N, C-alpha and C. Protein backbone atom coordinates (compact mmCIF):
# COMPACT_ATOMS: atom_id res chain seq x y z
N UNK A 1 -5.04 -9.54 13.20
CA UNK A 1 -4.13 -8.50 13.62
C UNK A 1 -4.81 -7.16 13.44
N UNK A 2 -4.70 -6.30 14.43
CA UNK A 2 -5.28 -4.97 14.33
C UNK A 2 -4.24 -3.94 14.73
N UNK A 3 -4.30 -2.80 14.06
CA UNK A 3 -3.42 -1.70 14.39
C UNK A 3 -4.11 -0.76 15.37
N UNK A 4 -3.34 0.13 15.95
CA UNK A 4 -3.90 1.14 16.84
C UNK A 4 -4.74 2.11 16.02
N UNK A 5 -5.71 2.75 16.66
CA UNK A 5 -6.52 3.74 15.98
C UNK A 5 -5.63 4.77 15.31
N UNK A 6 -5.93 5.05 14.06
CA UNK A 6 -5.22 6.07 13.28
C UNK A 6 -3.71 5.84 13.18
N UNK A 7 -3.28 4.58 13.24
CA UNK A 7 -1.85 4.28 13.15
C UNK A 7 -1.27 4.61 11.77
N UNK A 8 -2.13 4.78 10.76
CA UNK A 8 -1.65 5.11 9.41
C UNK A 8 -1.95 6.57 9.05
N UNK A 9 -2.38 7.34 10.05
CA UNK A 9 -2.73 8.74 9.79
C UNK A 9 -1.55 9.49 9.19
N UNK A 10 -1.84 10.25 8.14
CA UNK A 10 -0.80 11.04 7.50
C UNK A 10 0.00 10.28 6.45
N UNK A 11 -0.27 8.99 6.28
CA UNK A 11 0.45 8.18 5.30
C UNK A 11 -0.40 7.97 4.05
N UNK A 12 0.26 8.01 2.90
CA UNK A 12 -0.42 7.83 1.62
C UNK A 12 0.08 6.54 0.96
N UNK A 13 -0.86 5.74 0.47
CA UNK A 13 -0.58 4.44 -0.12
C UNK A 13 -1.06 4.39 -1.56
N UNK A 14 -0.38 3.60 -2.37
CA UNK A 14 -0.83 3.24 -3.71
C UNK A 14 -0.88 1.72 -3.75
N UNK A 15 -1.98 1.17 -4.22
CA UNK A 15 -2.13 -0.28 -4.35
C UNK A 15 -2.03 -0.62 -5.83
N UNK A 16 -1.16 -1.58 -6.16
CA UNK A 16 -1.02 -1.99 -7.56
C UNK A 16 -0.85 -3.50 -7.64
N UNK A 17 -1.32 -4.07 -8.72
CA UNK A 17 -1.20 -5.51 -8.90
C UNK A 17 -2.33 -6.27 -8.24
N UNK A 18 -2.23 -7.58 -8.29
CA UNK A 18 -3.26 -8.47 -7.76
C UNK A 18 -2.85 -8.90 -6.36
N UNK A 19 -3.67 -8.59 -5.38
CA UNK A 19 -3.42 -8.99 -4.00
C UNK A 19 -4.03 -10.37 -3.80
N UNK A 20 -3.25 -11.31 -3.32
CA UNK A 20 -3.70 -12.69 -3.18
C UNK A 20 -4.75 -12.88 -2.09
N UNK A 21 -4.68 -12.13 -1.02
CA UNK A 21 -5.53 -12.39 0.13
C UNK A 21 -6.60 -11.33 0.37
N UNK A 22 -6.59 -10.25 -0.40
CA UNK A 22 -7.55 -9.17 -0.25
C UNK A 22 -8.05 -8.76 -1.62
N UNK A 23 -9.28 -8.33 -1.69
CA UNK A 23 -9.73 -7.59 -2.85
C UNK A 23 -9.17 -6.18 -2.68
N UNK A 24 -8.95 -5.50 -3.76
CA UNK A 24 -8.40 -4.15 -3.70
C UNK A 24 -9.25 -3.24 -2.81
N UNK A 25 -10.58 -3.32 -2.94
CA UNK A 25 -11.45 -2.47 -2.12
C UNK A 25 -11.33 -2.79 -0.63
N UNK A 26 -11.12 -4.07 -0.30
CA UNK A 26 -10.94 -4.45 1.10
C UNK A 26 -9.65 -3.85 1.65
N UNK A 27 -8.59 -3.89 0.88
CA UNK A 27 -7.31 -3.31 1.32
C UNK A 27 -7.46 -1.81 1.49
N UNK A 28 -8.11 -1.16 0.53
CA UNK A 28 -8.32 0.29 0.61
C UNK A 28 -9.13 0.65 1.86
N UNK A 29 -10.20 -0.10 2.11
CA UNK A 29 -11.05 0.16 3.28
C UNK A 29 -10.27 0.00 4.57
N UNK A 30 -9.44 -1.03 4.66
CA UNK A 30 -8.65 -1.25 5.88
C UNK A 30 -7.64 -0.13 6.09
N UNK A 31 -6.97 0.29 5.04
CA UNK A 31 -6.01 1.39 5.16
C UNK A 31 -6.73 2.65 5.63
N UNK A 32 -7.86 2.95 5.03
CA UNK A 32 -8.62 4.14 5.42
C UNK A 32 -9.17 4.03 6.83
N UNK A 33 -9.56 2.83 7.26
CA UNK A 33 -10.06 2.63 8.61
C UNK A 33 -9.00 3.02 9.65
N UNK A 34 -7.75 2.80 9.32
CA UNK A 34 -6.66 3.14 10.24
C UNK A 34 -6.07 4.53 9.97
N UNK A 35 -6.78 5.33 9.18
CA UNK A 35 -6.39 6.72 9.00
C UNK A 35 -5.53 7.01 7.79
N UNK A 36 -5.18 6.01 6.99
CA UNK A 36 -4.36 6.22 5.81
C UNK A 36 -5.19 6.70 4.63
N UNK A 37 -4.50 7.16 3.61
CA UNK A 37 -5.13 7.63 2.39
C UNK A 37 -4.63 6.77 1.24
N UNK A 38 -5.52 6.36 0.34
CA UNK A 38 -5.15 5.56 -0.83
C UNK A 38 -5.37 6.40 -2.08
N UNK A 39 -4.33 6.51 -2.90
CA UNK A 39 -4.43 7.22 -4.16
C UNK A 39 -4.15 6.26 -5.31
N UNK A 40 -4.40 6.71 -6.53
CA UNK A 40 -4.25 5.84 -7.68
C UNK A 40 -2.90 5.93 -8.37
N UNK A 41 -2.12 6.94 -8.04
CA UNK A 41 -0.85 7.15 -8.74
C UNK A 41 0.28 7.43 -7.77
N UNK A 42 1.47 6.97 -8.10
CA UNK A 42 2.67 7.23 -7.30
C UNK A 42 3.11 8.67 -7.55
N UNK A 43 3.40 9.37 -6.46
CA UNK A 43 3.92 10.73 -6.54
C UNK A 43 4.89 10.96 -5.39
N UNK A 44 5.41 12.15 -5.30
CA UNK A 44 6.33 12.47 -4.20
C UNK A 44 5.62 12.44 -2.85
N UNK A 45 4.30 12.47 -2.86
CA UNK A 45 3.52 12.41 -1.62
C UNK A 45 3.24 10.97 -1.18
N UNK A 46 3.59 9.99 -2.01
CA UNK A 46 3.34 8.58 -1.69
C UNK A 46 4.35 8.10 -0.66
N UNK A 47 3.84 7.45 0.38
CA UNK A 47 4.72 6.89 1.42
C UNK A 47 4.99 5.41 1.17
N UNK A 48 3.96 4.66 0.76
CA UNK A 48 4.09 3.23 0.57
C UNK A 48 3.38 2.77 -0.69
N UNK A 49 3.98 1.82 -1.37
CA UNK A 49 3.35 1.14 -2.50
C UNK A 49 3.10 -0.30 -2.09
N UNK A 50 1.84 -0.71 -2.14
CA UNK A 50 1.47 -2.10 -1.87
C UNK A 50 1.42 -2.77 -3.24
N UNK A 51 2.37 -3.64 -3.52
CA UNK A 51 2.48 -4.26 -4.84
C UNK A 51 2.23 -5.75 -4.75
N UNK A 52 1.19 -6.20 -5.43
CA UNK A 52 0.89 -7.62 -5.52
C UNK A 52 1.49 -8.19 -6.80
N UNK A 53 0.92 -9.29 -7.26
CA UNK A 53 1.37 -9.90 -8.52
C UNK A 53 1.01 -8.98 -9.68
N UNK A 54 1.86 -8.98 -10.69
CA UNK A 54 1.63 -8.22 -11.92
C UNK A 54 1.29 -6.75 -11.66
N UNK A 55 2.17 -6.03 -10.96
CA UNK A 55 1.89 -4.62 -10.67
C UNK A 55 1.94 -3.79 -11.95
N UNK A 56 1.28 -2.64 -11.91
CA UNK A 56 1.33 -1.72 -13.03
C UNK A 56 2.76 -1.24 -13.23
N UNK A 57 3.30 -1.45 -14.42
CA UNK A 57 4.70 -1.12 -14.68
C UNK A 57 4.99 0.36 -14.50
N UNK A 58 4.05 1.22 -14.88
CA UNK A 58 4.29 2.66 -14.73
C UNK A 58 4.39 3.04 -13.25
N UNK A 59 3.61 2.39 -12.41
CA UNK A 59 3.67 2.68 -10.97
C UNK A 59 5.01 2.21 -10.39
N UNK A 60 5.46 1.03 -10.79
CA UNK A 60 6.74 0.52 -10.29
C UNK A 60 7.89 1.39 -10.78
N UNK A 61 7.82 1.84 -12.03
CA UNK A 61 8.87 2.69 -12.58
C UNK A 61 8.98 3.99 -11.80
N UNK A 62 7.86 4.54 -11.36
CA UNK A 62 7.85 5.81 -10.63
C UNK A 62 8.34 5.68 -9.19
N UNK A 63 8.42 4.46 -8.69
CA UNK A 63 8.78 4.26 -7.28
C UNK A 63 10.17 4.81 -6.96
N UNK A 64 11.14 4.59 -7.82
CA UNK A 64 12.51 5.00 -7.54
C UNK A 64 12.56 6.50 -7.28
N UNK A 65 13.01 6.87 -6.10
CA UNK A 65 13.18 8.27 -5.75
C UNK A 65 11.93 8.97 -5.29
N UNK A 66 10.78 8.30 -5.31
CA UNK A 66 9.54 8.99 -4.96
C UNK A 66 8.95 8.55 -3.62
N UNK A 67 9.25 7.35 -3.19
CA UNK A 67 8.60 6.85 -1.98
C UNK A 67 9.63 6.47 -0.93
N UNK A 68 9.19 6.44 0.29
CA UNK A 68 10.08 6.11 1.40
C UNK A 68 10.39 4.62 1.45
N UNK A 69 9.45 3.79 1.06
CA UNK A 69 9.64 2.35 1.18
C UNK A 69 8.82 1.61 0.14
N UNK A 70 9.48 0.80 -0.67
CA UNK A 70 8.79 -0.05 -1.62
C UNK A 70 8.79 -1.45 -1.03
N UNK A 71 7.62 -2.00 -0.77
CA UNK A 71 7.52 -3.25 -0.02
C UNK A 71 7.74 -4.50 -0.85
N UNK A 72 7.73 -4.39 -2.14
CA UNK A 72 8.12 -5.51 -2.98
C UNK A 72 6.98 -6.38 -3.46
N UNK A 73 7.35 -7.31 -4.31
CA UNK A 73 6.39 -8.19 -4.94
C UNK A 73 6.23 -9.44 -4.10
N UNK A 74 5.53 -9.29 -2.98
CA UNK A 74 5.29 -10.42 -2.09
C UNK A 74 3.79 -10.63 -1.97
N UNK A 75 3.40 -11.65 -1.31
CA UNK A 75 1.98 -11.94 -1.14
C UNK A 75 1.24 -10.72 -0.62
N UNK A 76 0.08 -10.46 -1.19
CA UNK A 76 -0.72 -9.32 -0.76
C UNK A 76 -0.96 -9.30 0.73
N UNK A 77 -1.24 -10.45 1.31
CA UNK A 77 -1.50 -10.52 2.75
C UNK A 77 -0.27 -10.14 3.54
N UNK A 78 0.87 -10.72 3.21
CA UNK A 78 2.10 -10.41 3.95
C UNK A 78 2.44 -8.93 3.82
N UNK A 79 2.34 -8.43 2.63
CA UNK A 79 2.65 -7.04 2.36
C UNK A 79 1.72 -6.13 3.16
N UNK A 80 0.44 -6.42 3.09
CA UNK A 80 -0.54 -5.59 3.76
C UNK A 80 -0.40 -5.64 5.28
N UNK A 81 -0.22 -6.84 5.83
CA UNK A 81 -0.07 -6.94 7.28
C UNK A 81 1.21 -6.27 7.75
N UNK A 82 2.24 -6.29 6.94
CA UNK A 82 3.48 -5.60 7.28
C UNK A 82 3.21 -4.10 7.43
N UNK A 83 2.46 -3.54 6.51
CA UNK A 83 2.16 -2.11 6.56
C UNK A 83 1.32 -1.80 7.80
N UNK A 84 0.27 -2.56 8.04
CA UNK A 84 -0.62 -2.31 9.16
C UNK A 84 0.11 -2.41 10.50
N UNK A 85 1.11 -3.29 10.57
CA UNK A 85 1.78 -3.51 11.85
C UNK A 85 2.86 -2.49 12.16
N UNK A 86 3.16 -1.59 11.23
CA UNK A 86 4.23 -0.63 11.44
C UNK A 86 3.86 0.44 12.45
């Protein structure tokens, strides 16, 4: 599955937890390839949190009220493909 060029432009992501189908660097590279930005901490500028197994508790705690959409504790692949396909 591929997204349109720059389909994630202007969106900021935080990756937390263990992604089952991607290494963290692979997910970051793919997000950046489509124009998105990956940061290490949740803030009011965060649009999406990609959460795999065992996410960082501080990142999950900050999600409430800070991000537009929390995608949940689902398989890294499903979560990631959902974001790319938006």
